Amino acid sequence: MELKGQVAFVTGGARGIGRSIAGELASKGARIALGDLNLEDAAATAEALRAGGADCAAYGLDVSRAEDVEKAFEAVKNNFGRLDILVNNAGITRDGLLMRMKPEDWDMVINVNLRSVFLCSREAVKIMSRQRYGRIVSIASVVAFMGNPGQVNYGASKAGIVGLTKTIAKEYAGRGITANAVAPGFIVTAMTEKLPQEVRNQMMAAIPSGKFGTPEDVAHAVSFFCSPGAGYVTGQVMHVNGGMYM
């Protein structure tokens, strides 16, 4: 129970990777705040975690809106008294080739995937700086490093997370705050299951380990960065992709 008593806020925590991260941190003793646009699903996840013995609360949250983010962090601080861990997990895709991409699809992905990391991290460091302790972990992607046709907006947003993470790490290392990123490869989620079988076969052929990852694989990597043992690790990216990118 190495995180016992600590408070972790997981954005996009209602389903998929976010839900697995919340469950993993809860299993280490952390108290969990879930933020998600779908409050109904977030509440169901929170109820499931409480049934397993965790202290958990759910908050409706549009991570792209500064007002929503400020209110959510104030609520977490008021309800839990502190904030030790922020996991920036919320993300979407709106795929399309560069020439055909609508500006609104570019803006939406950048706002949800990248602007949200800025907004949430900004609020988190206000609390963590006073504590002289904090862990910020953001979910990037293998696409940030390899690129992927049809995902110019997604790739740009995830690459931006890497640069933002390294800058936060340098700015706040002296205050006991670490900032790191996890870059998943092909992870089996509801989002990736919608891909055509031909695309899935192509992806599999590019993975040396010969298998797709699971949300739990990502959650274990996030858990390491959140742990006391990672106190001297900051500004780093952990690749979780079965060898897809090295």
C-alpha atoms as a PDB file:
ATOM      1  CA  MET A   1       0.000   0.000   0.000  1.00  0.00           C
ATOM      2  CA  GLU A   2       2.786   2.377  -1.006  1.00  0.00           C
ATOM      3  CA  LEU A   3       0.331   5.151  -1.947  1.00  0.00           C
ATOM      4  CA  LYS A   4      -1.804   4.889   1.172  1.00  0.00           C
ATOM      5  CA  GLY A   5      -3.310   8.236   2.118  1.00  0.00           C
ATOM      6  CA  GLN A   6      -2.351   9.897  -1.160  1.00  0.00           C
ATOM      7  CA  VAL A   7      -4.984  11.469  -3.418  1.00  0.00           C
ATOM      8  CA  ALA A   8      -4.916  10.777  -7.158  1.00  0.00           C
ATOM      9  CA  PHE A   9      -6.982  12.630  -9.755  1.00  0.00           C
ATOM     10  CA  VAL A  10      -7.434  10.665 -13.006  1.00  0.00           C
ATOM     11  CA  THR A  11      -8.970  12.456 -15.988  1.00  0.00           C
ATOM     12  CA  GLY A  12     -10.909  10.385 -18.469  1.00  0.00           C
ATOM     13  CA  GLY A  13     -11.176   7.869 -15.660  1.00  0.00           C
ATOM     14  CA  ALA A  14     -14.575   6.366 -16.408  1.00  0.00           C
ATOM     15  CA  ARG A  15     -13.548   3.745 -18.943  1.00  0.00           C
ATOM     16  CA  GLY A  16     -10.685   1.938 -20.650  1.00  0.00           C
ATOM     17  CA  ILE A  17      -7.156   2.935 -19.748  1.00  0.00           C
ATOM     18  CA  GLY A  18      -8.301   5.581 -17.263  1.00  0.00           C
ATOM     19  CA  ARG A  19     -10.420   3.097 -15.354  1.00  0.00           C
ATOM     20  CA  SER A  20      -7.518   0.633 -15.186  1.00  0.00           C
ATOM     21  CA  ILE A  21      -5.172   3.367 -13.940  1.00  0.00           C
ATOM     22  CA  ALA A  22      -7.658   4.358 -11.242  1.00  0.00           C
ATOM     23  CA  GLY A  23      -8.009   0.744 -10.157  1.00  0.00           C
ATOM     24  CA  GLU A  24      -4.255   0.194 -10.049  1.00  0.00           C
ATOM     25  CA  LEU A  25      -3.638   3.305  -7.947  1.00  0.00           C
ATOM     26  CA  ALA A  26      -6.515   2.369  -5.650  1.00  0.00           C
ATOM     27  CA  SER A  27      -4.957  -1.063  -5.159  1.00  0.00           C
ATOM     28  CA  LYS A  28      -1.836   0.730  -3.905  1.00  0.00           C
ATOM     29  CA  GLY A  29      -3.924   2.550  -1.295  1.00  0.00           C
ATOM     30  CA  ALA A  30      -4.554   5.860  -3.089  1.00  0.00           C
ATOM     31  CA  ARG A  31      -7.791   7.758  -2.682  1.00  0.00           C
ATOM     32  CA  ILE A  32      -9.233   8.333  -6.141  1.00  0.00           C
ATOM     33  CA  ALA A  33     -10.922  11.291  -7.820  1.00  0.00           C
ATOM     34  CA  LEU A  34     -12.308  10.521 -11.271  1.00  0.00           C
ATOM     35  CA  GLY A  35     -12.948  13.283 -13.783  1.00  0.00           C
ATOM     36  CA  ASP A  36     -14.864  12.503 -16.952  1.00  0.00           C
ATOM     37  CA  LEU A  37     -17.193  14.175 -19.425  1.00  0.00           C
ATOM     38  CA  ASN A  38     -19.592  11.260 -18.894  1.00  0.00           C
ATOM     39  CA  LEU A  39     -20.489  11.644 -15.233  1.00  0.00           C
ATOM     40  CA  GLU A  40     -22.811   8.628 -15.294  1.00  0.00           C
ATOM     41  CA  ASP A  41     -20.013   6.275 -16.361  1.00  0.00           C
ATOM     42  CA  ALA A  42     -17.568   7.935 -13.950  1.00  0.00           C
ATOM     43  CA  ALA A  43     -20.024   7.460 -11.098  1.00  0.00           C
ATOM     44  CA  ALA A  44     -20.404   3.781 -12.000  1.00  0.00           C
ATOM     45  CA  THR A  45     -16.626   3.323 -11.983  1.00  0.00           C
ATOM     46  CA  ALA A  46     -16.368   5.143  -8.655  1.00  0.00           C
ATOM     47  CA  GLU A  47     -19.053   2.869  -7.214  1.00  0.00           C
ATOM     48  CA  ALA A  48     -17.157  -0.205  -8.395  1.00  0.00           C
ATOM     49  CA  LEU A  49     -13.942   1.043  -6.795  1.00  0.00           C
ATOM     50  CA  ARG A  50     -15.733   1.810  -3.536  1.00  0.00           C
ATOM     51  CA  ALA A  51     -17.146  -1.715  -3.568  1.00  0.00           C
ATOM     52  CA  GLY A  52     -13.541  -2.896  -3.598  1.00  0.00           C
ATOM     53  CA  GLY A  53     -12.719  -0.799  -0.568  1.00  0.00           C
ATOM     54  CA  ALA A  54     -11.374   2.353  -2.197  1.00  0.00           C
ATOM     55  CA  ASP A  55     -12.204   5.920  -1.240  1.00  0.00           C
ATOM     56  CA  CYS A  56     -13.405   7.317  -4.555  1.00  0.00           C
ATOM     57  CA  ALA A  57     -15.456  10.214  -5.912  1.00  0.00           C
ATOM     58  CA  ALA A  58     -16.552  11.127  -9.449  1.00  0.00           C
ATOM     59  CA  TYR A  59     -16.749  14.565 -11.040  1.00  0.00           C
ATOM     60  CA  GLY A  60     -18.260  15.683 -14.316  1.00  0.00           C
ATOM     61  CA  LEU A  61     -15.479  17.402 -16.218  1.00  0.00           C
ATOM     62  CA  ASP A  62     -14.883  18.891 -19.649  1.00  0.00           C
ATOM     63  CA  VAL A  63     -11.082  18.983 -19.568  1.00  0.00           C
ATOM     64  CA  SER A  64     -10.921  21.461 -22.440  1.00  0.00           C
ATOM     65  CA  ARG A  65     -12.747  24.185 -20.487  1.00  0.00           C
ATOM     66  CA  ALA A  66     -10.709  26.226 -18.013  1.00  0.00           C
ATOM     67  CA  GLU A  67     -13.749  26.991 -15.853  1.00  0.00           C
ATOM     68  CA  ASP A  68     -14.655  23.302 -15.520  1.00  0.00           C
ATOM     69  CA  VAL A  69     -11.078  22.350 -14.670  1.00  0.00           C
ATOM     70  CA  GLU A  70     -10.758  25.038 -11.988  1.00  0.00           C
ATOM     71  CA  LYS A  71     -14.035  23.969 -10.366  1.00  0.00           C
ATOM     72  CA  ALA A  72     -13.097  20.286 -10.440  1.00  0.00           C
ATOM     73  CA  PHE A  73      -9.733  20.831  -8.784  1.00  0.00           C
ATOM     74  CA  GLU A  74     -11.293  23.052  -6.148  1.00  0.00           C
ATOM     75  CA  ALA A  75     -13.844  20.316  -5.446  1.00  0.00           C
ATOM     76  CA  VAL A  76     -11.124  17.670  -5.142  1.00  0.00           C
ATOM     77  CA  LYS A  77      -9.144  19.857  -2.767  1.00  0.00           C
ATOM     78  CA  ASN A  78     -12.231  20.571  -0.650  1.00  0.00           C
ATOM     79  CA  ASN A  79     -13.351  16.927  -0.569  1.00  0.00           C
ATOM     80  CA  PHE A  80      -9.988  15.216  -0.069  1.00  0.00           C
ATOM     81  CA  GLY A  81      -7.893  17.958   1.501  1.00  0.00           C
ATOM     82  CA  ARG A  82      -4.894  17.523  -0.780  1.00  0.00           C
ATOM     83  CA  LEU A  83      -3.715  16.316  -4.189  1.00  0.00           C
ATOM     84  CA  ASP A  84      -0.646  14.132  -4.617  1.00  0.00           C
ATOM     85  CA  ILE A  85      -1.060  12.615  -8.075  1.00  0.00           C
ATOM     86  CA  LEU A  86      -2.494  13.874 -11.354  1.00  0.00           C
ATOM     87  CA  VAL A  87      -2.902  11.500 -14.277  1.00  0.00           C
ATOM     88  CA  ASN A  88      -3.717  13.343 -17.505  1.00  0.00           C
ATOM     89  CA  ASN A  89      -5.425  10.534 -19.360  1.00  0.00           C
ATOM     90  CA  ALA A  90      -8.410  12.141 -21.127  1.00  0.00           C
ATOM     91  CA  GLY A  91      -8.151  11.956 -24.900  1.00  0.00           C
ATOM     92  CA  ILE A  92     -10.078  11.585 -28.147  1.00  0.00           C
ATOM     93  CA  THR A  93      -9.466  10.941 -31.841  1.00  0.00           C
ATOM     94  CA  ARG A  94     -10.974  12.608 -34.901  1.00  0.00           C
ATOM     95  CA  ASP A  95      -8.994  10.986 -37.681  1.00  0.00           C
ATOM     96  CA  GLY A  96      -8.506  12.267 -41.203  1.00  0.00           C
ATOM     97  CA  LEU A  97      -5.805  12.971 -43.751  1.00  0.00           C
ATOM     98  CA  LEU A  98      -4.203  16.419 -43.596  1.00  0.00           C
ATOM     99  CA  MET A  99      -5.803  17.807 -46.769  1.00  0.00           C
ATOM    100  CA  ARG A 100      -9.270  16.634 -45.737  1.00  0.00           C
ATOM    101  CA  MET A 101      -9.150  17.459 -42.047  1.00  0.00           C
ATOM    102  CA  LYS A 102     -11.702  19.967 -40.868  1.00  0.00           C
ATOM    103  CA  PRO A 103     -10.334  22.769 -38.675  1.00  0.00           C
ATOM    104  CA  GLU A 104     -12.930  21.915 -36.032  1.00  0.00           C
ATOM    105  CA  ASP A 105     -11.608  18.341 -35.831  1.00  0.00           C
ATOM    106  CA  TRP A 106      -8.075  19.685 -35.410  1.00  0.00           C
ATOM    107  CA  ASP A 107      -9.203  22.091 -32.693  1.00  0.00           C
ATOM    108  CA  MET A 108     -11.249  19.504 -30.813  1.00  0.00           C
ATOM    109  CA  VAL A 109      -8.401  16.979 -30.572  1.00  0.00           C
ATOM    110  CA  ILE A 110      -5.836  19.620 -29.612  1.00  0.00           C
ATOM    111  CA  ASN A 111      -8.179  21.049 -26.970  1.00  0.00           C
ATOM    112  CA  VAL A 112      -9.114  17.730 -25.361  1.00  0.00           C
ATOM    113  CA  ASN A 113      -5.730  16.016 -25.643  1.00  0.00           C
ATOM    114  CA  LEU A 114      -3.228  18.852 -25.150  1.00  0.00           C
ATOM    115  CA  ARG A 115      -4.938  21.969 -23.807  1.00  0.00           C
ATOM    116  CA  SER A 116      -6.377  19.774 -21.051  1.00  0.00           C
ATOM    117  CA  VAL A 117      -2.890  18.746 -19.891  1.00  0.00           C
ATOM    118  CA  PHE A 118      -1.936  22.415 -19.622  1.00  0.00           C
ATOM    119  CA  LEU A 119      -5.128  23.340 -17.760  1.00  0.00           C
ATOM    120  CA  CYS A 120      -5.084  20.387 -15.352  1.00  0.00           C
ATOM    121  CA  SER A 121      -1.351  20.523 -14.671  1.00  0.00           C
ATOM    122  CA  ARG A 122      -1.578  24.244 -13.990  1.00  0.00           C
ATOM    123  CA  GLU A 123      -4.192  23.662 -11.307  1.00  0.00           C
ATOM    124  CA  ALA A 124      -2.343  20.663  -9.899  1.00  0.00           C
ATOM    125  CA  VAL A 125       0.962  22.468  -9.369  1.00  0.00           C
ATOM    126  CA  LYS A 126      -0.803  25.202  -7.397  1.00  0.00           C
ATOM    127  CA  ILE A 127      -1.737  22.591  -4.807  1.00  0.00           C
ATOM    128  CA  MET A 128       1.375  20.424  -5.079  1.00  0.00           C
ATOM    129  CA  SER A 129       3.772  23.357  -4.774  1.00  0.00           C
ATOM    130  CA  ARG A 130       2.388  24.200  -1.351  1.00  0.00           C
ATOM    131  CA  GLN A 131       2.783  20.563  -0.314  1.00  0.00           C
ATOM    132  CA  ARG A 132       6.306  20.418  -1.775  1.00  0.00           C
ATOM    133  CA  TYR A 133       5.316  17.088  -3.278  1.00  0.00           C
ATOM    134  CA  GLY A 134       3.506  15.819  -6.339  1.00  0.00           C
ATOM    135  CA  ARG A 135       3.434  13.407  -9.254  1.00  0.00           C
ATOM    136  CA  ILE A 136       2.111  14.380 -12.692  1.00  0.00           C
ATOM    137  CA  VAL A 137       1.826  11.607 -15.270  1.00  0.00           C
ATOM    138  CA  SER A 138       0.442  12.291 -18.743  1.00  0.00           C
ATOM    139  CA  ILE A 139      -0.586   9.766 -21.360  1.00  0.00           C
ATOM    140  CA  ALA A 140       1.171  10.389 -24.681  1.00  0.00           C
ATOM    141  CA  SER A 141       1.308   7.871 -27.543  1.00  0.00           C
ATOM    142  CA  VAL A 142       3.658   5.975 -29.795  1.00  0.00           C
ATOM    143  CA  VAL A 143       2.156   8.133 -32.568  1.00  0.00           C
ATOM    144  CA  ALA A 144       3.988  11.140 -31.104  1.00  0.00           C
ATOM    145  CA  PHE A 145       7.275   9.464 -32.047  1.00  0.00           C
ATOM    146  CA  MET A 146       6.397   7.465 -35.180  1.00  0.00           C
ATOM    147  CA  GLY A 147       3.628   9.507 -36.750  1.00  0.00           C
ATOM    148  CA  ASN A 148       0.589   7.805 -38.265  1.00  0.00           C
ATOM    149  CA  PRO A 149      -1.210   8.605 -41.519  1.00  0.00           C
ATOM    150  CA  GLY A 150      -4.658  10.035 -40.845  1.00  0.00           C
ATOM    151  CA  GLN A 151      -3.808  11.226 -37.346  1.00  0.00           C
ATOM    152  CA  VAL A 152      -2.088  14.558 -37.887  1.00  0.00           C
ATOM    153  CA  ASN A 153      -4.121  16.164 -35.084  1.00  0.00           C
ATOM    154  CA  TYR A 154      -3.693  13.265 -32.667  1.00  0.00           C
ATOM    155  CA  GLY A 155       0.036  12.951 -33.349  1.00  0.00           C
ATOM    156  CA  ALA A 156       0.561  16.679 -32.836  1.00  0.00           C
ATOM    157  CA  SER A 157      -1.401  16.659 -29.580  1.00  0.00           C
ATOM    158  CA  LYS A 158       0.529  13.728 -28.153  1.00  0.00           C
ATOM    159  CA  ALA A 159       3.911  15.131 -29.244  1.00  0.00           C
ATOM    160  CA  GLY A 160       2.928  18.361 -27.526  1.00  0.00           C
ATOM    161  CA  ILE A 161       2.332  16.444 -24.305  1.00  0.00           C
ATOM    162  CA  VAL A 162       5.942  15.247 -24.353  1.00  0.00           C
ATOM    163  CA  GLY A 163       7.321  18.778 -24.675  1.00  0.00           C
ATOM    164  CA  LEU A 164       4.932  20.090 -22.046  1.00  0.00           C
ATOM    165  CA  THR A 165       5.883  17.284 -19.655  1.00  0.00           C
ATOM    166  CA  LYS A 166       9.607  17.974 -19.940  1.00  0.00           C
ATOM    167  CA  THR A 167       9.061  21.683 -19.333  1.00  0.00           C
ATOM    168  CA  ILE A 168       6.885  21.080 -16.250  1.00  0.00           C
ATOM    169  CA  ALA A 169       9.572  18.719 -14.960  1.00  0.00           C
ATOM    170  CA  LYS A 170      12.235  21.434 -15.188  1.00  0.00           C
ATOM    171  CA  GLU A 171      10.054  24.160 -13.719  1.00  0.00           C
ATOM    172  CA  TYR A 172       8.895  22.237 -10.654  1.00  0.00           C
ATOM    173  CA  ALA A 173      11.606  19.705  -9.795  1.00  0.00           C
ATOM    174  CA  GLY A 174      12.820  22.016  -7.027  1.00  0.00           C
ATOM    175  CA  ARG A 175       9.421  21.831  -5.372  1.00  0.00           C
ATOM    176  CA  GLY A 176       9.337  18.078  -5.100  1.00  0.00           C
ATOM    177  CA  ILE A 177       7.088  17.607  -8.127  1.00  0.00           C
ATOM    178  CA  THR A 178       7.905  15.111 -10.874  1.00  0.00           C
ATOM    179  CA  ALA A 179       6.381  15.126 -14.353  1.00  0.00           C
ATOM    180  CA  ASN A 180       6.595  12.125 -16.652  1.00  0.00           C
ATOM    181  CA  ALA A 181       4.714  10.599 -19.566  1.00  0.00           C
ATOM    182  CA  VAL A 182       3.687   7.118 -20.651  1.00  0.00           C
ATOM    183  CA  ALA A 183       3.490   6.465 -24.400  1.00  0.00           C
ATOM    184  CA  PRO A 184       1.294   3.452 -25.149  1.00  0.00           C
ATOM    185  CA  GLY A 185       1.417   1.579 -28.417  1.00  0.00           C
ATOM    186  CA  PHE A 186      -1.548  -0.425 -29.664  1.00  0.00           C
ATOM    187  CA  ILE A 187      -3.709  -1.015 -26.598  1.00  0.00           C
ATOM    188  CA  VAL A 188      -6.938  -3.014 -26.736  1.00  0.00           C
ATOM    189  CA  THR A 189      -9.727  -0.586 -25.807  1.00  0.00           C
ATOM    190  CA  ALA A 190     -13.224   0.204 -27.067  1.00  0.00           C
ATOM    191  CA  MET A 191     -11.595   2.858 -29.290  1.00  0.00           C
ATOM    192  CA  THR A 192      -9.124   0.503 -30.979  1.00  0.00           C
ATOM    193  CA  GLU A 193     -11.636  -2.339 -31.308  1.00  0.00           C
ATOM    194  CA  LYS A 194     -13.531  -0.203 -33.824  1.00  0.00           C
ATOM    195  CA  LEU A 195     -10.604  -0.302 -36.242  1.00  0.00           C
ATOM    196  CA  PRO A 196     -10.963  -2.471 -39.378  1.00  0.00           C
ATOM    197  CA  GLN A 197      -9.402  -5.916 -39.128  1.00  0.00           C
ATOM    198  CA  GLU A 198      -6.971  -5.050 -41.920  1.00  0.00           C
ATOM    199  CA  VAL A 199      -5.608  -2.167 -39.869  1.00  0.00           C
ATOM    200  CA  ARG A 200      -5.345  -4.361 -36.783  1.00  0.00           C
ATOM    201  CA  ASN A 201      -3.410  -6.963 -38.788  1.00  0.00           C
ATOM    202  CA  GLN A 202      -0.984  -4.301 -40.022  1.00  0.00           C
ATOM    203  CA  MET A 203      -0.461  -3.092 -36.468  1.00  0.00           C
ATOM    204  CA  MET A 204       0.172  -6.603 -35.200  1.00  0.00           C
ATOM    205  CA  ALA A 205       2.808  -7.178 -37.868  1.00  0.00           C
ATOM    206  CA  ALA A 206       4.730  -4.156 -36.552  1.00  0.00           C
ATOM    207  CA  ILE A 207       4.845  -5.397 -32.941  1.00  0.00           C
ATOM    208  CA  PRO A 208       7.842  -7.652 -32.182  1.00  0.00           C
ATOM    209  CA  SER A 209       6.184  -9.134 -29.092  1.00  0.00           C
ATOM    210  CA  GLY A 210       3.366 -10.402 -31.313  1.00  0.00           C
ATOM    211  CA  LYS A 211       0.510  -9.157 -29.153  1.00  0.00           C
ATOM    212  CA  PHE A 212      -1.479  -6.057 -28.386  1.00  0.00           C
ATOM    213  CA  GLY A 213      -1.178  -4.330 -25.039  1.00  0.00           C
ATOM    214  CA  THR A 214      -3.837  -4.053 -22.362  1.00  0.00           C
ATOM    215  CA  PRO A 215      -5.003  -1.112 -20.274  1.00  0.00           C
ATOM    216  CA  GLU A 216      -3.373  -2.835 -17.310  1.00  0.00           C
ATOM    217  CA  ASP A 217       0.024  -2.663 -19.031  1.00  0.00           C
ATOM    218  CA  VAL A 218      -0.329   1.117 -19.171  1.00  0.00           C
ATOM    219  CA  ALA A 219      -1.628   1.293 -15.606  1.00  0.00           C
ATOM    220  CA  HIS A 220       1.452  -0.503 -14.252  1.00  0.00           C
ATOM    221  CA  ALA A 221       3.746   2.020 -15.951  1.00  0.00           C
ATOM    222  CA  VAL A 222       1.750   4.939 -14.557  1.00  0.00           C
ATOM    223  CA  SER A 223       1.855   3.358 -11.114  1.00  0.00           C
ATOM    224  CA  PHE A 224       5.650   3.283 -11.197  1.00  0.00           C
ATOM    225  CA  PHE A 225       5.891   6.992 -11.973  1.00  0.00           C
ATOM    226  CA  CYS A 226       3.480   7.687  -9.099  1.00  0.00           C
ATOM    227  CA  SER A 227       5.412   5.596  -6.612  1.00  0.00           C
ATOM    228  CA  PRO A 228       7.862   6.802  -3.950  1.00  0.00           C
ATOM    229  CA  GLY A 229      10.544   4.820  -5.767  1.00  0.00           C
ATOM    230  CA  ALA A 230      10.294   7.136  -8.781  1.00  0.00           C
ATOM    231  CA  GLY A 231      11.146  10.268  -6.838  1.00  0.00           C
ATOM    232  CA  TYR A 232      14.390  10.809  -8.781  1.00  0.00           C
ATOM    233  CA  VAL A 233      12.769  10.205 -12.182  1.00  0.00           C
ATOM    234  CA  THR A 234      11.355  13.245 -13.954  1.00  0.00           C
ATOM    235  CA  GLY A 235      10.963  14.545 -17.499  1.00  0.00           C
ATOM    236  CA  GLN A 236      10.954  11.008 -18.885  1.00  0.00           C
ATOM    237  CA  VAL A 237       8.788   9.046 -21.311  1.00  0.00           C
ATOM    238  CA  MET A 238       8.125   5.344 -20.733  1.00  0.00           C
ATOM    239  CA  HIS A 239       7.219   3.469 -23.915  1.00  0.00           C
ATOM    240  CA  VAL A 240       4.693   0.669 -23.463  1.00  0.00           C
ATOM    241  CA  ASN A 241       4.363  -0.837 -26.923  1.00  0.00           C
ATOM    242  CA  GLY A 242       5.722  -4.386 -27.116  1.00  0.00           C
ATOM    243  CA  GLY A 243       8.727  -3.200 -29.124  1.00  0.00           C
ATOM    244  CA  MET A 244       6.695  -1.341 -31.771  1.00  0.00           C
ATOM    245  CA  TYR A 245       8.938   1.677 -31.256  1.00  0.00           C
ATOM    246  CA  MET A 246      12.442   1.549 -29.785  1.00  0.00           C
END
